[in-house]
């Protein structure tokens, strides 16, 4: 049985999606019976484009890490509330999402998908920074900071009661309503936020998203190390505006635009020094951003290498490995 949790009518035939999941080879998703390609990789999800007959152009964020439907239902409830808070109380423009899940009885797990309208790829932030002028990229980053600030203004007003986190990387934003991308930004443009697959939400200071979900995709021989050394940072960094801004700038190294970082450091420092959101504010430096990026990149390269080892071990002993891994990520 498949289940859906959303405020809209289910966008796809869930029986077809269940058959797709049943026949999927995670090592070669492009070999599926339905035309499929990978649009992007996350730490706990993989974004797929799956062509279904008569279907809308959707992005399918696949998350195969739930043990049972109870876990999936709890995640769905947190996801719905997170989306509602971002839209209605924070006042962000958020790409609508629909969460569905499919029991995989053969392998004893539940696979969830977040369905979103497929965005114009040329209008997404990490593509725009290769087509816009430096001046327009500065405007784009400033717009991201202003939108992100809404989250932290909301958190400050509701501290200890209700708070949300956000991953403000440039690759998580798109120019609203753009068709065919853009080569220049006008005086007025709007941003849509679409990375909602990690719905961090605190109530009365308690995180509602189960932190153990972040360990499900990790090799079993690493989970205790990750839990001890990294899990707390993952669960808290996106509630810290300075760290979110640091992560935003570090993303430019990953996206092969390190030349932009010095100018953008100045943009970020000016933005924070002009407001009262982080007080006292310690200015960012290019050196600090570069060090942050190098440490983060090293951790994720090592983590991906261990996941490949784990995939090989699963294959060696004849066990199913449900995660789709990138063969290579440039960092």
C-alpha atoms as a PDB file:
ATOM      1  CA  UNK A   1       0.000   0.000   0.000  1.00  0.00           C
ATOM      2  CA  UNK A   2       1.242   3.497  -0.779  1.00  0.00           C
ATOM      3  CA  UNK A   3       0.470   6.599   1.214  1.00  0.00           C
ATOM      4  CA  UNK A   4       0.516  10.313   0.484  1.00  0.00           C
ATOM      5  CA  UNK A   5       0.719  13.308   2.789  1.00  0.00           C
ATOM      6  CA  UNK A   6       0.142  16.709   1.215  1.00  0.00           C
ATOM      7  CA  UNK A   7      -2.285  19.562   0.771  1.00  0.00           C
ATOM      8  CA  UNK A   8      -2.756  18.808  -2.916  1.00  0.00           C
ATOM      9  CA  UNK A   9      -4.063  15.965  -5.035  1.00  0.00           C
ATOM     10  CA  UNK A  10      -1.456  13.260  -5.567  1.00  0.00           C
ATOM     11  CA  UNK A  11       0.593  14.279  -8.591  1.00  0.00           C
ATOM     12  CA  UNK A  12       1.493  10.781  -9.777  1.00  0.00           C
ATOM     13  CA  UNK A  13       0.067   7.304 -10.081  1.00  0.00           C
ATOM     14  CA  UNK A  14       1.394   5.725  -6.895  1.00  0.00           C
ATOM     15  CA  UNK A  15       1.053   2.198  -8.269  1.00  0.00           C
ATOM     16  CA  UNK A  16       3.393   3.122 -11.117  1.00  0.00           C
ATOM     17  CA  UNK A  17       5.806   4.759  -8.677  1.00  0.00           C
ATOM     18  CA  UNK A  18       5.703   1.616  -6.520  1.00  0.00           C
ATOM     19  CA  UNK A  19       6.572  -0.527  -9.562  1.00  0.00           C
ATOM     20  CA  UNK A  20       9.377   1.883 -10.413  1.00  0.00           C
ATOM     21  CA  UNK A  21      10.782   1.528  -6.896  1.00  0.00           C
ATOM     22  CA  UNK A  22      10.438  -2.252  -6.952  1.00  0.00           C
ATOM     23  CA  UNK A  23      12.390  -2.560 -10.213  1.00  0.00           C
ATOM     24  CA  UNK A  24      14.950   0.192  -9.475  1.00  0.00           C
ATOM     25  CA  UNK A  25      18.640  -0.663  -9.550  1.00  0.00           C
ATOM     26  CA  UNK A  26      20.140   2.020  -7.252  1.00  0.00           C
ATOM     27  CA  UNK A  27      23.535   1.540  -8.872  1.00  0.00           C
ATOM     28  CA  UNK A  28      22.121   2.287 -12.331  1.00  0.00           C
ATOM     29  CA  UNK A  29      18.887   4.302 -11.963  1.00  0.00           C
ATOM     30  CA  UNK A  30      19.116   5.381 -15.609  1.00  0.00           C
ATOM     31  CA  UNK A  31      18.471   1.773 -16.664  1.00  0.00           C
ATOM     32  CA  UNK A  32      14.945   1.789 -15.246  1.00  0.00           C
ATOM     33  CA  UNK A  33      11.979   0.860 -17.433  1.00  0.00           C
ATOM     34  CA  UNK A  34      10.778   4.454 -17.123  1.00  0.00           C
ATOM     35  CA  UNK A  35      13.203   7.062 -18.506  1.00  0.00           C
ATOM     36  CA  UNK A  36      15.091   8.314 -15.464  1.00  0.00           C
ATOM     37  CA  UNK A  37      18.031  10.583 -14.744  1.00  0.00           C
ATOM     38  CA  UNK A  38      19.630  11.969 -11.618  1.00  0.00           C
ATOM     39  CA  UNK A  39      19.219  15.713 -11.122  1.00  0.00           C
ATOM     40  CA  UNK A  40      21.208  15.980  -7.915  1.00  0.00           C
ATOM     41  CA  UNK A  41      22.528  14.289  -4.803  1.00  0.00           C
ATOM     42  CA  UNK A  42      21.973  15.158  -1.160  1.00  0.00           C
ATOM     43  CA  UNK A  43      23.238  13.627   2.050  1.00  0.00           C
ATOM     44  CA  UNK A  44      19.988  11.728   2.693  1.00  0.00           C
ATOM     45  CA  UNK A  45      18.187  12.005  -0.647  1.00  0.00           C
ATOM     46  CA  UNK A  46      18.712  11.752  -4.383  1.00  0.00           C
ATOM     47  CA  UNK A  47      16.730  13.930  -6.781  1.00  0.00           C
ATOM     48  CA  UNK A  48      15.430  12.069  -9.828  1.00  0.00           C
ATOM     49  CA  UNK A  49      13.572  13.036 -12.952  1.00  0.00           C
ATOM     50  CA  UNK A  50      11.221  10.188 -13.868  1.00  0.00           C
ATOM     51  CA  UNK A  51       9.191  10.415 -17.058  1.00  0.00           C
ATOM     52  CA  UNK A  52       5.713   9.032 -16.565  1.00  0.00           C
ATOM     53  CA  UNK A  53       3.115   8.858 -19.316  1.00  0.00           C
ATOM     54  CA  UNK A  54       0.870  11.912 -19.145  1.00  0.00           C
ATOM     55  CA  UNK A  55       2.591  13.062 -15.968  1.00  0.00           C
ATOM     56  CA  UNK A  56       3.695  16.528 -14.977  1.00  0.00           C
ATOM     57  CA  UNK A  57       7.368  17.483 -15.025  1.00  0.00           C
ATOM     58  CA  UNK A  58       8.321  16.605 -11.482  1.00  0.00           C
ATOM     59  CA  UNK A  59      11.438  16.219  -9.405  1.00  0.00           C
ATOM     60  CA  UNK A  60      11.361  13.126  -7.198  1.00  0.00           C
ATOM     61  CA  UNK A  61      13.447  13.379  -4.025  1.00  0.00           C
ATOM     62  CA  UNK A  62      13.987   9.757  -3.010  1.00  0.00           C
ATOM     63  CA  UNK A  63      14.629   8.963   0.686  1.00  0.00           C
ATOM     64  CA  UNK A  64      14.868   5.224   1.411  1.00  0.00           C
ATOM     65  CA  UNK A  65      15.796   5.439   5.082  1.00  0.00           C
ATOM     66  CA  UNK A  66      12.600   4.716   7.034  1.00  0.00           C
ATOM     67  CA  UNK A  67      12.210   1.476   8.987  1.00  0.00           C
ATOM     68  CA  UNK A  68       8.417   1.482   8.984  1.00  0.00           C
ATOM     69  CA  UNK A  69       5.319   3.535   8.228  1.00  0.00           C
ATOM     70  CA  UNK A  70       5.223   4.980  11.747  1.00  0.00           C
ATOM     71  CA  UNK A  71       8.560   6.693  11.084  1.00  0.00           C
ATOM     72  CA  UNK A  72       7.359   7.856   7.663  1.00  0.00           C
ATOM     73  CA  UNK A  73       4.150   9.261   9.148  1.00  0.00           C
ATOM     74  CA  UNK A  74       6.078  11.171  11.812  1.00  0.00           C
ATOM     75  CA  UNK A  75       8.426  12.595   9.174  1.00  0.00           C
ATOM     76  CA  UNK A  76       5.397  13.582   7.062  1.00  0.00           C
ATOM     77  CA  UNK A  77       3.834  15.444   9.993  1.00  0.00           C
ATOM     78  CA  UNK A  78       7.072  17.350  10.677  1.00  0.00           C
ATOM     79  CA  UNK A  79       7.477  18.054   6.958  1.00  0.00           C
ATOM     80  CA  UNK A  80       3.961  19.464   6.643  1.00  0.00           C
ATOM     81  CA  UNK A  81       4.367  21.690   9.686  1.00  0.00           C
ATOM     82  CA  UNK A  82       7.792  22.890   8.522  1.00  0.00           C
ATOM     83  CA  UNK A  83       6.377  23.841   5.113  1.00  0.00           C
ATOM     84  CA  UNK A  84       3.437  25.618   6.725  1.00  0.00           C
ATOM     85  CA  UNK A  85       5.663  27.623   9.071  1.00  0.00           C
ATOM     86  CA  UNK A  86       8.016  28.679   6.267  1.00  0.00           C
ATOM     87  CA  UNK A  87       5.151  29.787   4.027  1.00  0.00           C
ATOM     88  CA  UNK A  88       2.637  31.252   6.431  1.00  0.00           C
ATOM     89  CA  UNK A  89       4.666  32.543   9.354  1.00  0.00           C
ATOM     90  CA  UNK A  90       8.168  33.151   8.006  1.00  0.00           C
ATOM     91  CA  UNK A  91       6.772  34.374   4.666  1.00  0.00           C
ATOM     92  CA  UNK A  92       9.195  32.542   2.386  1.00  0.00           C
ATOM     93  CA  UNK A  93       8.262  31.607  -1.156  1.00  0.00           C
ATOM     94  CA  UNK A  94       8.620  27.818  -0.925  1.00  0.00           C
ATOM     95  CA  UNK A  95       8.192  25.432  -3.847  1.00  0.00           C
ATOM     96  CA  UNK A  96       5.208  23.227  -2.907  1.00  0.00           C
ATOM     97  CA  UNK A  97       6.030  19.635  -2.082  1.00  0.00           C
ATOM     98  CA  UNK A  98       4.060  16.452  -1.691  1.00  0.00           C
ATOM     99  CA  UNK A  99       5.374  13.554   0.361  1.00  0.00           C
ATOM    100  CA  UNK A 100       4.427   9.984  -0.535  1.00  0.00           C
ATOM    101  CA  UNK A 101       5.820   6.729   0.770  1.00  0.00           C
ATOM    102  CA  UNK A 102       6.006   3.191  -0.492  1.00  0.00           C
ATOM    103  CA  UNK A 103       6.489   0.141   1.749  1.00  0.00           C
ATOM    104  CA  UNK A 104       9.314  -2.066   0.490  1.00  0.00           C
ATOM    105  CA  UNK A 105       8.273  -5.299   2.154  1.00  0.00           C
ATOM    106  CA  UNK A 106      10.933  -7.315   0.349  1.00  0.00           C
ATOM    107  CA  UNK A 107      13.745  -5.367   2.001  1.00  0.00           C
ATOM    108  CA  UNK A 108      11.975  -4.364   5.219  1.00  0.00           C
ATOM    109  CA  UNK A 109      11.914  -0.591   4.822  1.00  0.00           C
ATOM    110  CA  UNK A 110       9.760   2.295   3.649  1.00  0.00           C
ATOM    111  CA  UNK A 111      10.890   4.552   0.797  1.00  0.00           C
ATOM    112  CA  UNK A 112       9.581   8.119   0.780  1.00  0.00           C
ATOM    113  CA  UNK A 113       9.509  10.537  -2.125  1.00  0.00           C
ATOM    114  CA  UNK A 114       9.038  14.299  -2.030  1.00  0.00           C
ATOM    115  CA  UNK A 115       7.435  15.413  -5.277  1.00  0.00           C
ATOM    116  CA  UNK A 116       8.013  18.961  -6.526  1.00  0.00           C
ATOM    117  CA  UNK A 117       7.477  20.720  -9.807  1.00  0.00           C
ATOM    118  CA  UNK A 118      10.699  20.440 -11.777  1.00  0.00           C
ATOM    119  CA  UNK A 119      12.309  23.873 -11.850  1.00  0.00           C
ATOM    120  CA  UNK A 120      14.030  25.500 -14.786  1.00  0.00           C
ATOM    121  CA  UNK A 121      17.573  24.273 -14.180  1.00  0.00           C
ATOM    122  CA  UNK A 122      19.119  27.412 -15.659  1.00  0.00           C
ATOM    123  CA  UNK A 123      17.297  29.533 -13.056  1.00  0.00           C
ATOM    124  CA  UNK A 124      18.748  27.721 -10.028  1.00  0.00           C
ATOM    125  CA  UNK A 125      21.389  29.556  -8.024  1.00  0.00           C
ATOM    126  CA  UNK A 126      24.401  27.348  -8.720  1.00  0.00           C
ATOM    127  CA  UNK A 127      23.753  27.677 -12.460  1.00  0.00           C
ATOM    128  CA  UNK A 128      23.089  31.422 -12.302  1.00  0.00           C
ATOM    129  CA  UNK A 129      26.497  32.147 -10.797  1.00  0.00           C
ATOM    130  CA  UNK A 130      28.034  30.955 -14.072  1.00  0.00           C
ATOM    131  CA  UNK A 131      25.864  33.190 -16.267  1.00  0.00           C
ATOM    132  CA  UNK A 132      25.390  36.413 -14.295  1.00  0.00           C
ATOM    133  CA  UNK A 133      27.803  39.306 -13.956  1.00  0.00           C
ATOM    134  CA  UNK A 134      29.707  39.679 -10.696  1.00  0.00           C
ATOM    135  CA  UNK A 135      27.484  42.622  -9.768  1.00  0.00           C
ATOM    136  CA  UNK A 136      24.329  40.595 -10.314  1.00  0.00           C
ATOM    137  CA  UNK A 137      25.767  37.689  -8.314  1.00  0.00           C
ATOM    138  CA  UNK A 138      26.313  40.102  -5.427  1.00  0.00           C
ATOM    139  CA  UNK A 139      22.645  41.136  -5.767  1.00  0.00           C
ATOM    140  CA  UNK A 140      21.610  37.483  -5.825  1.00  0.00           C
ATOM    141  CA  UNK A 141      23.540  36.650  -2.639  1.00  0.00           C
ATOM    142  CA  UNK A 142      22.166  39.734  -0.905  1.00  0.00           C
ATOM    143  CA  UNK A 143      18.646  38.607  -1.843  1.00  0.00           C
ATOM    144  CA  UNK A 144      19.396  35.146  -0.399  1.00  0.00           C
ATOM    145  CA  UNK A 145      20.594  36.754   2.832  1.00  0.00           C
ATOM    146  CA  UNK A 146      17.437  38.855   3.077  1.00  0.00           C
ATOM    147  CA  UNK A 147      15.215  35.833   2.575  1.00  0.00           C
ATOM    148  CA  UNK A 148      17.262  33.776   5.027  1.00  0.00           C
ATOM    149  CA  UNK A 149      17.047  36.605   7.563  1.00  0.00           C
ATOM    150  CA  UNK A 150      13.275  36.113   7.684  1.00  0.00           C
ATOM    151  CA  UNK A 151      13.890  32.689   9.229  1.00  0.00           C
ATOM    152  CA  UNK A 152      16.161  34.034  11.947  1.00  0.00           C
ATOM    153  CA  UNK A 153      13.896  37.018  12.661  1.00  0.00           C
ATOM    154  CA  UNK A 154      11.074  34.516  13.179  1.00  0.00           C
ATOM    155  CA  UNK A 155      13.279  32.381  15.438  1.00  0.00           C
ATOM    156  CA  UNK A 156      14.287  35.397  17.525  1.00  0.00           C
ATOM    157  CA  UNK A 157      10.632  36.351  18.004  1.00  0.00           C
ATOM    158  CA  UNK A 158       9.669  32.788  18.962  1.00  0.00           C
ATOM    159  CA  UNK A 159      12.849  31.653  20.712  1.00  0.00           C
ATOM    160  CA  UNK A 160      12.357  28.610  22.903  1.00  0.00           C
ATOM    161  CA  UNK A 161       8.851  28.010  21.566  1.00  0.00           C
ATOM    162  CA  UNK A 162       8.986  27.383  17.827  1.00  0.00           C
ATOM    163  CA  UNK A 163      12.076  27.647  15.609  1.00  0.00           C
ATOM    164  CA  UNK A 164      12.986  26.418  12.146  1.00  0.00           C
ATOM    165  CA  UNK A 165      16.312  25.997  10.364  1.00  0.00           C
ATOM    166  CA  UNK A 166      17.295  26.560   6.764  1.00  0.00           C
ATOM    167  CA  UNK A 167      20.103  25.453   4.464  1.00  0.00           C
ATOM    168  CA  UNK A 168      20.723  28.692   2.587  1.00  0.00           C
ATOM    169  CA  UNK A 169      23.229  27.388   0.031  1.00  0.00           C
ATOM    170  CA  UNK A 170      23.028  29.115  -3.335  1.00  0.00           C
ATOM    171  CA  UNK A 171      22.022  25.815  -4.950  1.00  0.00           C
ATOM    172  CA  UNK A 172      18.793  25.723  -2.909  1.00  0.00           C
ATOM    173  CA  UNK A 173      17.298  28.883  -4.437  1.00  0.00           C
ATOM    174  CA  UNK A 174      15.814  29.665  -7.852  1.00  0.00           C
ATOM    175  CA  UNK A 175      14.596  32.803  -9.583  1.00  0.00           C
ATOM    176  CA  UNK A 176      10.833  32.714  -9.225  1.00  0.00           C
ATOM    177  CA  UNK A 177       8.820  32.199 -12.396  1.00  0.00           C
ATOM    178  CA  UNK A 178      11.874  32.083 -14.650  1.00  0.00           C
ATOM    179  CA  UNK A 179      11.582  30.323 -17.994  1.00  0.00           C
ATOM    180  CA  UNK A 180      14.820  29.551 -19.784  1.00  0.00           C
ATOM    181  CA  UNK A 181      17.045  31.000 -17.092  1.00  0.00           C
ATOM    182  CA  UNK A 182      18.370  34.528 -17.057  1.00  0.00           C
ATOM    183  CA  UNK A 183      21.550  36.338 -18.025  1.00  0.00           C
ATOM    184  CA  UNK A 184      20.819  39.479 -15.989  1.00  0.00           C
ATOM    185  CA  UNK A 185      18.850  40.412 -12.905  1.00  0.00           C
ATOM    186  CA  UNK A 186      16.447  43.307 -13.066  1.00  0.00           C
ATOM    187  CA  UNK A 187      15.724  45.707 -10.263  1.00  0.00           C
ATOM    188  CA  UNK A 188      12.972  43.452  -8.980  1.00  0.00           C
ATOM    189  CA  UNK A 189      13.167  39.667  -8.796  1.00  0.00           C
ATOM    190  CA  UNK A 190      11.931  37.057  -6.350  1.00  0.00           C
ATOM    191  CA  UNK A 191      13.480  33.878  -5.038  1.00  0.00           C
ATOM    192  CA  UNK A 192      11.908  30.469  -4.436  1.00  0.00           C
ATOM    193  CA  UNK A 193      13.355  28.113  -1.818  1.00  0.00           C
ATOM    194  CA  UNK A 194      13.065  24.411  -2.645  1.00  0.00           C
ATOM    195  CA  UNK A 195      15.346  22.312  -0.396  1.00  0.00           C
ATOM    196  CA  UNK A 196      12.734  21.126   2.111  1.00  0.00           C
ATOM    197  CA  UNK A 197      13.754  17.473   2.499  1.00  0.00           C
ATOM    198  CA  UNK A 198      15.413  18.099   5.891  1.00  0.00           C
ATOM    199  CA  UNK A 199      12.620  19.817   7.854  1.00  0.00           C
ATOM    200  CA  UNK A 200      14.440  21.021  10.956  1.00  0.00           C
ATOM    201  CA  UNK A 201      11.809  22.195  13.439  1.00  0.00           C
ATOM    202  CA  UNK A 202      12.133  22.821  17.183  1.00  0.00           C
ATOM    203  CA  UNK A 203       9.239  22.998  19.624  1.00  0.00           C
ATOM    204  CA  UNK A 204       9.950  24.143  23.165  1.00  0.00           C
ATOM    205  CA  UNK A 205      13.626  23.653  22.384  1.00  0.00           C
ATOM    206  CA  UNK A 206      13.188  20.027  21.269  1.00  0.00           C
ATOM    207  CA  UNK A 207      14.128  18.981  17.725  1.00  0.00           C
ATOM    208  CA  UNK A 208      11.155  17.289  16.037  1.00  0.00           C
ATOM    209  CA  UNK A 209      13.191  15.643  13.261  1.00  0.00           C
ATOM    210  CA  UNK A 210      14.695  12.336  14.372  1.00  0.00           C
ATOM    211  CA  UNK A 211      18.497  12.800  14.221  1.00  0.00           C
ATOM    212  CA  UNK A 212      19.018   9.060  13.736  1.00  0.00           C
ATOM    213  CA  UNK A 213      17.619   9.398  10.199  1.00  0.00           C
ATOM    214  CA  UNK A 214      20.889  11.053   9.207  1.00  0.00           C
ATOM    215  CA  UNK A 215      22.766   7.912  10.204  1.00  0.00           C
ATOM    216  CA  UNK A 216      20.620   5.448   8.243  1.00  0.00           C
ATOM    217  CA  UNK A 217      22.562   5.888   5.018  1.00  0.00           C
ATOM    218  CA  UNK A 218      25.922   5.654   6.788  1.00  0.00           C
ATOM    219  CA  UNK A 219      27.944   2.417   6.907  1.00  0.00           C
ATOM    220  CA  UNK A 220      27.186   0.532  10.119  1.00  0.00           C
ATOM    221  CA  UNK A 221      30.866   0.587  11.086  1.00  0.00           C
ATOM    222  CA  UNK A 222      30.806   4.413  11.060  1.00  0.00           C
ATOM    223  CA  UNK A 223      27.563   5.250  12.822  1.00  0.00           C
ATOM    224  CA  UNK A 224      29.040   5.504  16.319  1.00  0.00           C
ATOM    225  CA  UNK A 225      31.798   7.852  15.099  1.00  0.00           C
ATOM    226  CA  UNK A 226      29.333  10.047  13.217  1.00  0.00           C
ATOM    227  CA  UNK A 227      26.964  10.109  16.180  1.00  0.00           C
ATOM    228  CA  UNK A 228      29.788  11.095  18.519  1.00  0.00           C
ATOM    229  CA  UNK A 229      31.633  13.632  16.374  1.00  0.00           C
ATOM    230  CA  UNK A 230      29.326  15.085  13.726  1.00  0.00           C
ATOM    231  CA  UNK A 231      25.627  14.546  14.439  1.00  0.00           C
ATOM    232  CA  UNK A 232      25.242  17.453  16.861  1.00  0.00           C
ATOM    233  CA  UNK A 233      26.841  19.838  14.365  1.00  0.00           C
ATOM    234  CA  UNK A 234      24.550  18.665  11.556  1.00  0.00           C
ATOM    235  CA  UNK A 235      21.481  19.147  13.767  1.00  0.00           C
ATOM    236  CA  UNK A 236      22.435  22.634  14.964  1.00  0.00           C
ATOM    237  CA  UNK A 237      24.432  24.443  12.280  1.00  0.00           C
ATOM    238  CA  UNK A 238      21.390  25.538  10.271  1.00  0.00           C
ATOM    239  CA  UNK A 239      19.901  27.304  13.316  1.00  0.00           C
ATOM    240  CA  UNK A 240      22.950  29.623  13.386  1.00  0.00           C
ATOM    241  CA  UNK A 241      22.743  32.530  10.926  1.00  0.00           C
ATOM    242  CA  UNK A 242      26.501  33.095  10.837  1.00  0.00           C
ATOM    243  CA  UNK A 243      27.146  29.416  10.041  1.00  0.00           C
ATOM    244  CA  UNK A 244      24.447  29.438   7.360  1.00  0.00           C
ATOM    245  CA  UNK A 245      26.128  32.476   5.778  1.00  0.00           C
ATOM    246  CA  UNK A 246      29.506  30.728   6.027  1.00  0.00           C
ATOM    247  CA  UNK A 247      28.046  27.671   4.311  1.00  0.00           C
ATOM    248  CA  UNK A 248      26.560  29.888   1.602  1.00  0.00           C
ATOM    249  CA  UNK A 249      29.958  31.378   0.789  1.00  0.00           C
ATOM    250  CA  UNK A 250      31.788  28.051   1.017  1.00  0.00           C
ATOM    251  CA  UNK A 251      29.379  26.715  -1.610  1.00  0.00           C
ATOM    252  CA  UNK A 252      31.086  28.984  -4.157  1.00  0.00           C
ATOM    253  CA  UNK A 253      34.278  26.937  -3.822  1.00  0.00           C
ATOM    254  CA  UNK A 254      32.322  23.766  -4.537  1.00  0.00           C
ATOM    255  CA  UNK A 255      30.624  25.394  -7.528  1.00  0.00           C
ATOM    256  CA  UNK A 256      34.006  26.355  -9.034  1.00  0.00           C
ATOM    257  CA  UNK A 257      33.697  30.118  -8.427  1.00  0.00           C
ATOM    258  CA  UNK A 258      36.362  30.795  -5.774  1.00  0.00           C
ATOM    259  CA  UNK A 259      37.118  34.096  -7.518  1.00  0.00           C
ATOM    260  CA  UNK A 260      33.836  35.466  -6.172  1.00  0.00           C
ATOM    261  CA  UNK A 261      34.478  34.688  -2.507  1.00  0.00           C
ATOM    262  CA  UNK A 262      36.471  37.812  -1.503  1.00  0.00           C
ATOM    263  CA  UNK A 263      33.817  40.168  -2.863  1.00  0.00           C
ATOM    264  CA  UNK A 264      31.001  38.127  -1.352  1.00  0.00           C
ATOM    265  CA  UNK A 265      32.679  38.065   2.053  1.00  0.00           C
ATOM    266  CA  UNK A 266      32.460  41.863   1.949  1.00  0.00           C
ATOM    267  CA  UNK A 267      28.779  41.670   0.946  1.00  0.00           C
ATOM    268  CA  UNK A 268      27.969  39.339   3.850  1.00  0.00           C
ATOM    269  CA  UNK A 269      29.942  41.356   6.407  1.00  0.00           C
ATOM    270  CA  UNK A 270      28.249  44.581   5.328  1.00  0.00           C
ATOM    271  CA  UNK A 271      24.837  42.919   5.562  1.00  0.00           C
ATOM    272  CA  UNK A 272      25.445  41.691   9.110  1.00  0.00           C
ATOM    273  CA  UNK A 273      27.140  44.856  10.356  1.00  0.00           C
ATOM    274  CA  UNK A 274      24.131  46.897   9.218  1.00  0.00           C
ATOM    275  CA  UNK A 275      21.652  44.837  11.256  1.00  0.00           C
ATOM    276  CA  UNK A 276      21.191  43.440  14.724  1.00  0.00           C
ATOM    277  CA  UNK A 277      20.580  39.753  13.923  1.00  0.00           C
ATOM    278  CA  UNK A 278      23.979  38.488  15.090  1.00  0.00           C
ATOM    279  CA  UNK A 279      25.384  40.552  17.945  1.00  0.00           C
ATOM    280  CA  UNK A 280      28.215  40.880  18.560  1.00  0.00           C
ATOM    281  CA  UNK A 281      29.004  39.975  14.944  1.00  0.00           C
ATOM    282  CA  UNK A 282      32.418  38.510  14.179  1.00  0.00           C
ATOM    283  CA  UNK A 283      33.202  39.367  10.533  1.00  0.00           C
ATOM    284  CA  UNK A 284      33.871  36.488   8.168  1.00  0.00           C
ATOM    285  CA  UNK A 285      37.178  36.247   6.348  1.00  0.00           C
ATOM    286  CA  UNK A 286      38.209  34.553   3.121  1.00  0.00           C
ATOM    287  CA  UNK A 287      40.661  32.435   5.092  1.00  0.00           C
ATOM    288  CA  UNK A 288      37.933  31.240   7.472  1.00  0.00           C
ATOM    289  CA  UNK A 289      35.519  30.442   4.629  1.00  0.00           C
ATOM    290  CA  UNK A 290      38.221  28.523   2.738  1.00  0.00           C
ATOM    291  CA  UNK A 291      39.145  26.523   5.846  1.00  0.00           C
ATOM    292  CA  UNK A 292      35.484  25.739   6.489  1.00  0.00           C
ATOM    293  CA  UNK A 293      35.044  24.558   2.904  1.00  0.00           C
ATOM    294  CA  UNK A 294      38.181  22.387   2.940  1.00  0.00           C
ATOM    295  CA  UNK A 295      37.176  20.655   6.171  1.00  0.00           C
ATOM    296  CA  UNK A 296      33.611  20.098   4.956  1.00  0.00           C
ATOM    297  CA  UNK A 297      34.766  18.840   1.546  1.00  0.00           C
ATOM    298  CA  UNK A 298      37.272  16.457   3.145  1.00  0.00           C
ATOM    299  CA  UNK A 299      34.600  15.027   5.462  1.00  0.00           C
ATOM    300  CA  UNK A 300      32.113  14.423   2.642  1.00  0.00           C
ATOM    301  CA  UNK A 301      34.728  12.917   0.308  1.00  0.00           C
ATOM    302  CA  UNK A 302      35.747  10.487   3.052  1.00  0.00           C
ATOM    303  CA  UNK A 303      32.118   9.760   3.915  1.00  0.00           C
ATOM    304  CA  UNK A 304      31.263   9.019   0.276  1.00  0.00           C
ATOM    305  CA  UNK A 305      34.303   6.728  -0.032  1.00  0.00           C
ATOM    306  CA  UNK A 306      33.147   4.719   2.999  1.00  0.00           C
ATOM    307  CA  UNK A 307      29.616   4.516   1.592  1.00  0.00           C
ATOM    308  CA  UNK A 308      31.020   3.025  -1.609  1.00  0.00           C
ATOM    309  CA  UNK A 309      32.890   0.480   0.481  1.00  0.00           C
ATOM    310  CA  UNK A 310      29.663  -0.299   2.304  1.00  0.00           C
ATOM    311  CA  UNK A 311      27.836  -0.731  -1.004  1.00  0.00           C
ATOM    312  CA  UNK A 312      30.527  -3.172  -2.125  1.00  0.00           C
ATOM    313  CA  UNK A 313      30.227  -5.143   1.125  1.00  0.00           C
ATOM    314  CA  UNK A 314      26.456  -5.364   0.702  1.00  0.00           C
ATOM    315  CA  UNK A 315      26.940  -6.689  -2.795  1.00  0.00           C
ATOM    316  CA  UNK A 316      29.587  -9.169  -1.633  1.00  0.00           C
ATOM    317  CA  UNK A 317      27.235 -10.781   0.892  1.00  0.00           C
ATOM    318  CA  UNK A 318      24.182 -10.576  -1.380  1.00  0.00           C
ATOM    319  CA  UNK A 319      22.349  -7.833   0.530  1.00  0.00           C
ATOM    320  CA  UNK A 320      20.302  -5.081  -1.099  1.00  0.00           C
ATOM    321  CA  UNK A 321      21.853  -1.588  -0.964  1.00  0.00           C
ATOM    322  CA  UNK A 322      19.042   0.985  -1.379  1.00  0.00           C
ATOM    323  CA  UNK A 323      20.979   4.238  -1.780  1.00  0.00           C
ATOM    324  CA  UNK A 324      21.939   5.933  -5.036  1.00  0.00           C
ATOM    325  CA  UNK A 325      25.509   7.195  -4.810  1.00  0.00           C
ATOM    326  CA  UNK A 326      27.308   9.643  -7.091  1.00  0.00           C
ATOM    327  CA  UNK A 327      30.330   8.233  -8.840  1.00  0.00           C
ATOM    328  CA  UNK A 328      32.142  11.530  -8.396  1.00  0.00           C
ATOM    329  CA  UNK A 329      31.359  14.945  -6.953  1.00  0.00           C
ATOM    330  CA  UNK A 330      33.607  17.883  -7.740  1.00  0.00           C
ATOM    331  CA  UNK A 331      34.519  19.764  -4.579  1.00  0.00           C
END
